[in-house]
Amino acid sequence: MRVVLLAVNDDNVKIKKFLKRFGNLPSNISIVHDKKGKTMPMFGVVKVPETFVFSPDGDTLTKLVGPQDWDKGYYLSRVFSMLGLSSN
């Protein structure tokens, strides 16, 4: 599974500060910085944060609007289930 974190209209200092609280990220996580916000209209995003889950072939499986409490297992279990993966 590949995870892409997309920072939009933020400066590098804010992005680094946000990411620092997570420590070292696994190698399957990439950070992309869209300084000009060009990706937001492509996905119909009007307010951040939003989370998109895509199938391996690129179809959108779900969109979660607003901040998510990823510490609660419900969100991860839901995403893993959509992808046909085990959350254990």
PDB file of N, CA and C in Angstrom:
ATOM      1  N   MET A   1       0.852  -1.167   0.000  1.00  0.00           N
ATOM      2  CA  MET A   1       0.000   0.000   0.000  1.00  0.00           C
ATOM      3  C   MET A   1       0.901   1.235   0.000  1.00  0.00           C
ATOM      4  N   ARG A   2       0.528   2.197  -0.792  1.00  0.00           N
ATOM      5  CA  ARG A   2       1.259   3.455  -0.913  1.00  0.00           C
ATOM      6  C   ARG A   2       0.412   4.577  -0.327  1.00  0.00           C
ATOM      7  N   VAL A   3       1.022   5.463   0.453  1.00  0.00           N
ATOM      8  CA  VAL A   3       0.334   6.595   1.056  1.00  0.00           C
ATOM      9  C   VAL A   3       1.018   7.870   0.575  1.00  0.00           C
ATOM     10  N   VAL A   4       0.210   8.806   0.093  1.00  0.00           N
ATOM     11  CA  VAL A   4       0.732  10.096  -0.347  1.00  0.00           C
ATOM     12  C   VAL A   4       0.096  11.173   0.516  1.00  0.00           C
ATOM     13  N   LEU A   5       0.927  11.949   1.179  1.00  0.00           N
ATOM     14  CA  LEU A   5       0.460  13.088   1.960  1.00  0.00           C
ATOM     15  C   LEU A   5       0.685  14.325   1.102  1.00  0.00           C
ATOM     16  N   LEU A   6      -0.386  15.037   0.831  1.00  0.00           N
ATOM     17  CA  LEU A   6      -0.317  16.205  -0.043  1.00  0.00           C
ATOM     18  C   LEU A   6      -0.529  17.465   0.782  1.00  0.00           C
ATOM     19  N   ALA A   7       0.483  18.290   0.849  1.00  0.00           N
ATOM     20  CA  ALA A   7       0.390  19.575   1.540  1.00  0.00           C
ATOM     21  C   ALA A   7       0.072  20.635   0.495  1.00  0.00           C
ATOM     22  N   VAL A   8      -0.979  21.414   0.755  1.00  0.00           N
ATOM     23  CA  VAL A   8      -1.433  22.420  -0.205  1.00  0.00           C
ATOM     24  C   VAL A   8      -1.361  23.804   0.432  1.00  0.00           C
ATOM     25  N   ASN A   9      -0.763  24.741  -0.291  1.00  0.00           N
ATOM     26  CA  ASN A   9      -0.691  26.143   0.140  1.00  0.00           C
ATOM     27  C   ASN A   9      -0.053  26.338   1.512  1.00  0.00           C
ATOM     28  N   ASP A  10       0.850  25.468   1.897  1.00  0.00           N
ATOM     29  CA  ASP A  10       1.559  25.612   3.171  1.00  0.00           C
ATOM     30  C   ASP A  10       3.018  25.939   2.896  1.00  0.00           C
ATOM     31  N   ASP A  11       3.675  26.486   3.910  1.00  0.00           N
ATOM     32  CA  ASP A  11       5.109  26.694   3.743  1.00  0.00           C
ATOM     33  C   ASP A  11       5.858  25.510   4.351  1.00  0.00           C
ATOM     34  N   ASN A  12       7.110  25.363   3.967  1.00  0.00           N
ATOM     35  CA  ASN A  12       7.914  24.215   4.386  1.00  0.00           C
ATOM     36  C   ASN A  12       8.050  24.110   5.897  1.00  0.00           C
ATOM     37  N   VAL A  13       8.130  25.227   6.599  1.00  0.00           N
ATOM     38  CA  VAL A  13       8.279  25.208   8.057  1.00  0.00           C
ATOM     39  C   VAL A  13       7.056  24.573   8.708  1.00  0.00           C
ATOM     40  N   LYS A  14       5.854  24.959   8.265  1.00  0.00           N
ATOM     41  CA  LYS A  14       4.621  24.383   8.822  1.00  0.00           C
ATOM     42  C   LYS A  14       4.521  22.897   8.527  1.00  0.00           C
ATOM     43  N   ILE A  15       4.897  22.504   7.338  1.00  0.00           N
ATOM     44  CA  ILE A  15       4.840  21.091   6.960  1.00  0.00           C
ATOM     45  C   ILE A  15       5.787  20.267   7.833  1.00  0.00           C
ATOM     46  N   LYS A  16       7.017  20.734   7.988  1.00  0.00           N
ATOM     47  CA  LYS A  16       7.994  20.013   8.810  1.00  0.00           C
ATOM     48  C   LYS A  16       7.544  19.927  10.258  1.00  0.00           C
ATOM     49  N   LYS A  17       6.972  21.011  10.780  1.00  0.00           N
ATOM     50  CA  LYS A  17       6.480  21.012  12.167  1.00  0.00           C
ATOM     51  C   LYS A  17       5.355  19.978  12.334  1.00  0.00           C
ATOM     52  N   PHE A  18       4.439  19.938  11.372  1.00  0.00           N
ATOM     53  CA  PHE A  18       3.341  18.970  11.423  1.00  0.00           C
ATOM     54  C   PHE A  18       3.875  17.539  11.381  1.00  0.00           C
ATOM     55  N   LEU A  19       4.791  17.265  10.474  1.00  0.00           N
ATOM     56  CA  LEU A  19       5.310  15.901  10.300  1.00  0.00           C
ATOM     57  C   LEU A  19       6.188  15.452  11.456  1.00  0.00           C
ATOM     58  N   LYS A  20       6.820  16.398  12.139  1.00  0.00           N
ATOM     59  CA  LYS A  20       7.737  16.075  13.242  1.00  0.00           C
ATOM     60  C   LYS A  20       7.047  15.264  14.335  1.00  0.00           C
ATOM     61  N   ARG A  21       5.783  15.538  14.563  1.00  0.00           N
ATOM     62  CA  ARG A  21       5.089  14.834  15.654  1.00  0.00           C
ATOM     63  C   ARG A  21       4.864  13.349  15.367  1.00  0.00           C
ATOM     64  N   PHE A  22       5.076  12.934  14.124  1.00  0.00           N
ATOM     65  CA  PHE A  22       4.897  11.523  13.761  1.00  0.00           C
ATOM     66  C   PHE A  22       6.208  10.745  13.751  1.00  0.00           C
ATOM     67  N   GLY A  23       7.326  11.409  13.950  1.00  0.00           N
ATOM     68  CA  GLY A  23       8.622  10.734  13.936  1.00  0.00           C
ATOM     69  C   GLY A  23       8.982  10.296  12.522  1.00  0.00           C
ATOM     70  N   ASN A  24       9.757   9.242  12.435  1.00  0.00           N
ATOM     71  CA  ASN A  24      10.173   8.724  11.136  1.00  0.00           C
ATOM     72  C   ASN A  24       8.998   8.028  10.455  1.00  0.00           C
ATOM     73  N   LEU A  25       8.706   8.443   9.243  1.00  0.00           N
ATOM     74  CA  LEU A  25       7.602   7.843   8.493  1.00  0.00           C
ATOM     75  C   LEU A  25       8.092   6.609   7.736  1.00  0.00           C
ATOM     76  N   PRO A  26       7.233   5.605   7.598  1.00  0.00           N
ATOM     77  CA  PRO A  26       7.609   4.419   6.825  1.00  0.00           C
ATOM     78  C   PRO A  26       7.932   4.778   5.376  1.00  0.00           C
ATOM     79  N   SER A  27       8.677   3.911   4.722  1.00  0.00           N
ATOM     80  CA  SER A  27       9.135   4.183   3.355  1.00  0.00           C
ATOM     81  C   SER A  27       8.008   4.192   2.330  1.00  0.00           C
ATOM     82  N   ASN A  28       6.828   3.674   2.670  1.00  0.00           N
ATOM     83  CA  ASN A  28       5.711   3.677   1.720  1.00  0.00           C
ATOM     84  C   ASN A  28       4.905   4.982   1.768  1.00  0.00           C
ATOM     85  N   ILE A  29       5.386   5.957   2.545  1.00  0.00           N
ATOM     86  CA  ILE A  29       4.715   7.254   2.648  1.00  0.00           C
ATOM     87  C   ILE A  29       5.549   8.313   1.932  1.00  0.00           C
ATOM     88  N   SER A  30       4.906   9.028   1.033  1.00  0.00           N
ATOM     89  CA  SER A  30       5.554  10.124   0.313  1.00  0.00           C
ATOM     90  C   SER A  30       4.862  11.432   0.666  1.00  0.00           C
ATOM     91  N   ILE A  31       5.650  12.493   0.749  1.00  0.00           N
ATOM     92  CA  ILE A  31       5.098  13.822   0.997  1.00  0.00           C
ATOM     93  C   ILE A  31       5.237  14.622  -0.293  1.00  0.00           C
ATOM     94  N   VAL A  32       4.120  15.209  -0.741  1.00  0.00           N
ATOM     95  CA  VAL A  32       4.106  16.028  -1.945  1.00  0.00           C
ATOM     96  C   VAL A  32       3.647  17.425  -1.534  1.00  0.00           C
ATOM     97  N   HIS A  33       4.338  18.445  -2.013  1.00  0.00           N
ATOM     98  CA  HIS A  33       4.018  19.813  -1.652  1.00  0.00           C
ATOM     99  C   HIS A  33       3.501  20.555  -2.881  1.00  0.00           C
ATOM    100  N   ASP A  34       2.226  20.871  -2.870  1.00  0.00           N
ATOM    101  CA  ASP A  34       1.589  21.642  -3.941  1.00  0.00           C
ATOM    102  C   ASP A  34       1.518  23.086  -3.471  1.00  0.00           C
ATOM    103  N   LYS A  35       2.551  23.846  -3.772  1.00  0.00           N
ATOM    104  CA  LYS A  35       2.662  25.225  -3.277  1.00  0.00           C
ATOM    105  C   LYS A  35       1.591  26.152  -3.841  1.00  0.00           C
ATOM    106  N   LYS A  36       1.084  25.850  -5.014  1.00  0.00           N
ATOM    107  CA  LYS A  36       0.129  26.758  -5.665  1.00  0.00           C
ATOM    108  C   LYS A  36      -1.326  26.273  -5.594  1.00  0.00           C
ATOM    109  N   GLY A  37      -1.565  25.120  -4.969  1.00  0.00           N
ATOM    110  CA  GLY A  37      -2.935  24.631  -4.819  1.00  0.00           C
ATOM    111  C   GLY A  37      -3.586  24.151  -6.100  1.00  0.00           C
ATOM    112  N   LYS A  38      -2.795  23.735  -7.071  1.00  0.00           N
ATOM    113  CA  LYS A  38      -3.341  23.316  -8.355  1.00  0.00           C
ATOM    114  C   LYS A  38      -4.090  21.984  -8.288  1.00  0.00           C
ATOM    115  N   THR A  39      -3.790  21.165  -7.298  1.00  0.00           N
ATOM    116  CA  THR A  39      -4.448  19.853  -7.211  1.00  0.00           C
ATOM    117  C   THR A  39      -5.847  19.920  -6.614  1.00  0.00           C
ATOM    118  N   MET A  40      -6.133  20.940  -5.829  1.00  0.00           N
ATOM    119  CA  MET A  40      -7.441  21.015  -5.161  1.00  0.00           C
ATOM    120  C   MET A  40      -8.603  20.966  -6.149  1.00  0.00           C
ATOM    121  N   PRO A  41      -8.619  21.780  -7.193  1.00  0.00           N
ATOM    122  CA  PRO A  41      -9.746  21.704  -8.136  1.00  0.00           C
ATOM    123  C   PRO A  41      -9.811  20.365  -8.889  1.00  0.00           C
ATOM    124  N   MET A  42      -8.670  19.727  -9.069  1.00  0.00           N
ATOM    125  CA  MET A  42      -8.645  18.430  -9.771  1.00  0.00           C
ATOM    126  C   MET A  42      -9.465  17.382  -9.029  1.00  0.00           C
ATOM    127  N   PHE A  43      -9.477  17.473  -7.697  1.00  0.00           N
ATOM    128  CA  PHE A  43     -10.190  16.499  -6.866  1.00  0.00           C
ATOM    129  C   PHE A  43     -11.469  17.062  -6.264  1.00  0.00           C
ATOM    130  N   GLY A  44     -11.820  18.291  -6.598  1.00  0.00           N
ATOM    131  CA  GLY A  44     -13.032  18.887  -6.069  1.00  0.00           C
ATOM    132  C   GLY A  44     -12.923  19.286  -4.613  1.00  0.00           C
ATOM    133  N   VAL A  45     -11.724  19.595  -4.172  1.00  0.00           N
ATOM    134  CA  VAL A  45     -11.493  19.975  -2.780  1.00  0.00           C
ATOM    135  C   VAL A  45     -11.708  21.478  -2.631  1.00  0.00           C
ATOM    136  N   VAL A  46     -12.535  21.836  -1.655  1.00  0.00           N
ATOM    137  CA  VAL A  46     -12.747  23.255  -1.369  1.00  0.00           C
ATOM    138  C   VAL A  46     -12.231  23.629   0.017  1.00  0.00           C
ATOM    139  N   LYS A  47     -12.058  22.643   0.874  1.00  0.00           N
ATOM    140  CA  LYS A  47     -11.588  22.879   2.234  1.00  0.00           C
ATOM    141  C   LYS A  47     -10.705  21.708   2.654  1.00  0.00           C
ATOM    142  N   VAL A  48      -9.602  22.016   3.291  1.00  0.00           N
ATOM    143  CA  VAL A  48      -8.711  20.962   3.748  1.00  0.00           C
ATOM    144  C   VAL A  48      -8.780  20.846   5.261  1.00  0.00           C
ATOM    145  N   PRO A  49      -8.516  19.702   5.837  1.00  0.00           N
ATOM    146  CA  PRO A  49      -8.016  18.502   5.175  1.00  0.00           C
ATOM    147  C   PRO A  49      -9.132  17.629   4.612  1.00  0.00           C
ATOM    148  N   GLU A  50      -8.777  16.881   3.607  1.00  0.00           N
ATOM    149  CA  GLU A  50      -9.629  15.835   3.057  1.00  0.00           C
ATOM    150  C   GLU A  50      -8.754  14.616   2.800  1.00  0.00           C
ATOM    151  N   THR A  51      -9.335  13.456   2.966  1.00  0.00           N
ATOM    152  CA  THR A  51      -8.624  12.205   2.761  1.00  0.00           C
ATOM    153  C   THR A  51      -9.315  11.447   1.643  1.00  0.00           C
ATOM    154  N   PHE A  52      -8.524  11.005   0.676  1.00  0.00           N
ATOM    155  CA  PHE A  52      -9.038  10.192  -0.424  1.00  0.00           C
ATOM    156  C   PHE A  52      -8.405   8.821  -0.343  1.00  0.00           C
ATOM    157  N   VAL A  53      -9.199   7.794  -0.610  1.00  0.00           N
ATOM    158  CA  VAL A  53      -8.682   6.436  -0.700  1.00  0.00           C
ATOM    159  C   VAL A  53      -8.940   5.970  -2.122  1.00  0.00           C
ATOM    160  N   PHE A  54      -7.867   5.555  -2.780  1.00  0.00           N
ATOM    161  CA  PHE A  54      -7.941   5.093  -4.159  1.00  0.00           C
ATOM    162  C   PHE A  54      -7.645   3.603  -4.226  1.00  0.00           C
ATOM    163  N   SER A  55      -8.311   2.929  -5.149  1.00  0.00           N
ATOM    164  CA  SER A  55      -8.009   1.530  -5.403  1.00  0.00           C
ATOM    165  C   SER A  55      -6.680   1.446  -6.149  1.00  0.00           C
ATOM    166  N   PRO A  56      -6.077   0.269  -6.233  1.00  0.00           N
ATOM    167  CA  PRO A  56      -4.817   0.136  -6.972  1.00  0.00           C
ATOM    168  C   PRO A  56      -4.915   0.598  -8.431  1.00  0.00           C
ATOM    169  N   ASP A  57      -6.109   0.537  -9.025  1.00  0.00           N
ATOM    170  CA  ASP A  57      -6.239   0.973 -10.418  1.00  0.00           C
ATOM    171  C   ASP A  57      -6.633   2.447 -10.541  1.00  0.00           C
ATOM    172  N   GLY A  58      -6.662   3.176  -9.417  1.00  0.00           N
ATOM    173  CA  GLY A  58      -6.869   4.618  -9.447  1.00  0.00           C
ATOM    174  C   GLY A  58      -8.289   5.094  -9.247  1.00  0.00           C
ATOM    175  N   ASP A  59      -9.238   4.183  -9.038  1.00  0.00           N
ATOM    176  CA  ASP A  59     -10.615   4.596  -8.775  1.00  0.00           C
ATOM    177  C   ASP A  59     -10.736   5.137  -7.347  1.00  0.00           C
ATOM    178  N   THR A  60     -11.539   6.183  -7.157  1.00  0.00           N
ATOM    179  CA  THR A  60     -11.773   6.730  -5.824  1.00  0.00           C
ATOM    180  C   THR A  60     -12.732   5.817  -5.078  1.00  0.00           C
ATOM    181  N   LEU A  61     -12.275   5.294  -3.928  1.00  0.00           N
ATOM    182  CA  LEU A  61     -13.118   4.417  -3.116  1.00  0.00           C
ATOM    183  C   LEU A  61     -13.922   5.210  -2.095  1.00  0.00           C
ATOM    184  N   THR A  62     -13.310   6.240  -1.535  1.00  0.00           N
ATOM    185  CA  THR A  62     -14.013   7.079  -0.571  1.00  0.00           C
ATOM    186  C   THR A  62     -13.283   8.399  -0.403  1.00  0.00           C
ATOM    187  N   LYS A  63     -14.006   9.353   0.144  1.00  0.00           N
ATOM    188  CA  LYS A  63     -13.459  10.668   0.464  1.00  0.00           C
ATOM    189  C   LYS A  63     -13.931  11.004   1.871  1.00  0.00           C
ATOM    190  N   LEU A  64     -12.989  11.313   2.754  1.00  0.00           N
ATOM    191  CA  LEU A  64     -13.302  11.690   4.126  1.00  0.00           C
ATOM    192  C   LEU A  64     -13.031  13.184   4.262  1.00  0.00           C
ATOM    193  N   VAL A  65     -14.054  13.952   4.619  1.00  0.00           N
ATOM    194  CA  VAL A  65     -13.940  15.402   4.697  1.00  0.00           C
ATOM    195  C   VAL A  65     -13.633  15.818   6.131  1.00  0.00           C
ATOM    196  N   GLY A  66     -12.666  16.714   6.272  1.00  0.00           N
ATOM    197  CA  GLY A  66     -12.303  17.228   7.580  1.00  0.00           C
ATOM    198  C   GLY A  66     -11.235  16.388   8.243  1.00  0.00           C
ATOM    199  N   PRO A  67     -10.775  16.837   9.401  1.00  0.00           N
ATOM    200  CA  PRO A  67      -9.744  16.074  10.115  1.00  0.00           C
ATOM    201  C   PRO A  67     -10.320  14.762  10.634  1.00  0.00           C
ATOM    202  N   GLN A  68      -9.527  13.725  10.581  1.00  0.00           N
ATOM    203  CA  GLN A  68      -9.926  12.411  11.076  1.00  0.00           C
ATOM    204  C   GLN A  68      -9.073  12.063  12.293  1.00  0.00           C
ATOM    205  N   ASP A  69      -9.656  11.390  13.242  1.00  0.00           N
ATOM    206  CA  ASP A  69      -8.920  10.957  14.424  1.00  0.00           C
ATOM    207  C   ASP A  69      -8.339   9.575  14.130  1.00  0.00           C
ATOM    208  N   TRP A  70      -7.162   9.572  13.485  1.00  0.00           N
ATOM    209  CA  TRP A  70      -6.564   8.310  13.038  1.00  0.00           C
ATOM    210  C   TRP A  70      -6.116   7.436  14.194  1.00  0.00           C
ATOM    211  N   ASP A  71      -6.108   7.955  15.421  1.00  0.00           N
ATOM    212  CA  ASP A  71      -5.780   7.131  16.582  1.00  0.00           C
ATOM    213  C   ASP A  71      -6.913   6.157  16.903  1.00  0.00           C
ATOM    214  N   LYS A  72      -8.105   6.450  16.420  1.00  0.00           N
ATOM    215  CA  LYS A  72      -9.236   5.547  16.618  1.00  0.00           C
ATOM    216  C   LYS A  72      -9.192   4.498  15.516  1.00  0.00           C
ATOM    217  N   GLY A  73      -9.200   3.262  15.897  1.00  0.00           N
ATOM    218  CA  GLY A  73      -9.054   2.156  14.958  1.00  0.00           C
ATOM    219  C   GLY A  73     -10.115   2.096  13.879  1.00  0.00           C
ATOM    220  N   TYR A  74     -11.255   2.726  14.118  1.00  0.00           N
ATOM    221  CA  TYR A  74     -12.357   2.666  13.156  1.00  0.00           C
ATOM    222  C   TYR A  74     -11.927   3.141  11.772  1.00  0.00           C
ATOM    223  N   TYR A  75     -11.226   4.260  11.715  1.00  0.00           N
ATOM    224  CA  TYR A  75     -10.857   4.835  10.421  1.00  0.00           C
ATOM    225  C   TYR A  75      -9.904   3.927   9.654  1.00  0.00           C
ATOM    226  N   LEU A  76      -8.872   3.463  10.344  1.00  0.00           N
ATOM    227  CA  LEU A  76      -7.923   2.577   9.667  1.00  0.00           C
ATOM    228  C   LEU A  76      -8.581   1.275   9.252  1.00  0.00           C
ATOM    229  N   SER A  77      -9.405   0.709  10.110  1.00  0.00           N
ATOM    230  CA  SER A  77     -10.102  -0.540   9.767  1.00  0.00           C
ATOM    231  C   SER A  77     -10.973  -0.351   8.536  1.00  0.00           C
ATOM    232  N   ARG A  78     -11.656   0.772   8.454  1.00  0.00           N
ATOM    233  CA  ARG A  78     -12.523   1.066   7.306  1.00  0.00           C
ATOM    234  C   ARG A  78     -11.714   1.152   6.016  1.00  0.00           C
ATOM    235  N   VAL A  79     -10.606   1.883   6.061  1.00  0.00           N
ATOM    236  CA  VAL A  79      -9.762   2.033   4.878  1.00  0.00           C
ATOM    237  C   VAL A  79      -9.163   0.689   4.473  1.00  0.00           C
ATOM    238  N   PHE A  80      -8.627  -0.050   5.435  1.00  0.00           N
ATOM    239  CA  PHE A  80      -8.042  -1.353   5.123  1.00  0.00           C
ATOM    240  C   PHE A  80      -9.089  -2.284   4.523  1.00  0.00           C
ATOM    241  N   SER A  81     -10.291  -2.252   5.070  1.00  0.00           N
ATOM    242  CA  SER A  81     -11.372  -3.106   4.554  1.00  0.00           C
ATOM    243  C   SER A  81     -11.678  -2.777   3.104  1.00  0.00           C
ATOM    244  N   MET A  82     -11.754  -1.491   2.774  1.00  0.00           N
ATOM    245  CA  MET A  82     -12.024  -1.076   1.394  1.00  0.00           C
ATOM    246  C   MET A  82     -10.949  -1.581   0.436  1.00  0.00           C
ATOM    247  N   LEU A  83      -9.731  -1.662   0.933  1.00  0.00           N
ATOM    248  CA  LEU A  83      -8.607  -2.095   0.109  1.00  0.00           C
ATOM    249  C   LEU A  83      -8.406  -3.603   0.129  1.00  0.00           C
ATOM    250  N   GLY A  84      -9.258  -4.297   0.908  1.00  0.00           N
ATOM    251  CA  GLY A  84      -9.134  -5.759   1.001  1.00  0.00           C
ATOM    252  C   GLY A  84      -7.933  -6.201   1.803  1.00  0.00           C
ATOM    253  N   LEU A  85      -7.515  -5.367   2.771  1.00  0.00           N
ATOM    254  CA  LEU A  85      -6.349  -5.661   3.583  1.00  0.00           C
ATOM    255  C   LEU A  85      -6.764  -5.907   5.022  1.00  0.00           C
ATOM    256  N   SER A  86      -5.912  -6.587   5.753  1.00  0.00           N
ATOM    257  CA  SER A  86      -6.141  -6.809   7.184  1.00  0.00           C
ATOM    258  C   SER A  86      -5.532  -5.655   7.961  1.00  0.00           C
ATOM    259  N   SER A  87      -6.241  -5.164   8.975  1.00  0.00           N
ATOM    260  CA  SER A  87      -5.728  -4.049   9.793  1.00  0.00           C
ATOM    261  C   SER A  87      -4.879  -4.533  10.945  1.00  0.00           C
ATOM    262  N   ASN A  88      -4.614  -5.816  11.029  1.00  0.00           N
ATOM    263  CA  ASN A  88      -3.790  -6.365  12.130  1.00  0.00           C
ATOM    264  C   ASN A  88      -2.336  -6.271  11.825  1.00  0.00           C
TER     265      ASN A  88
END
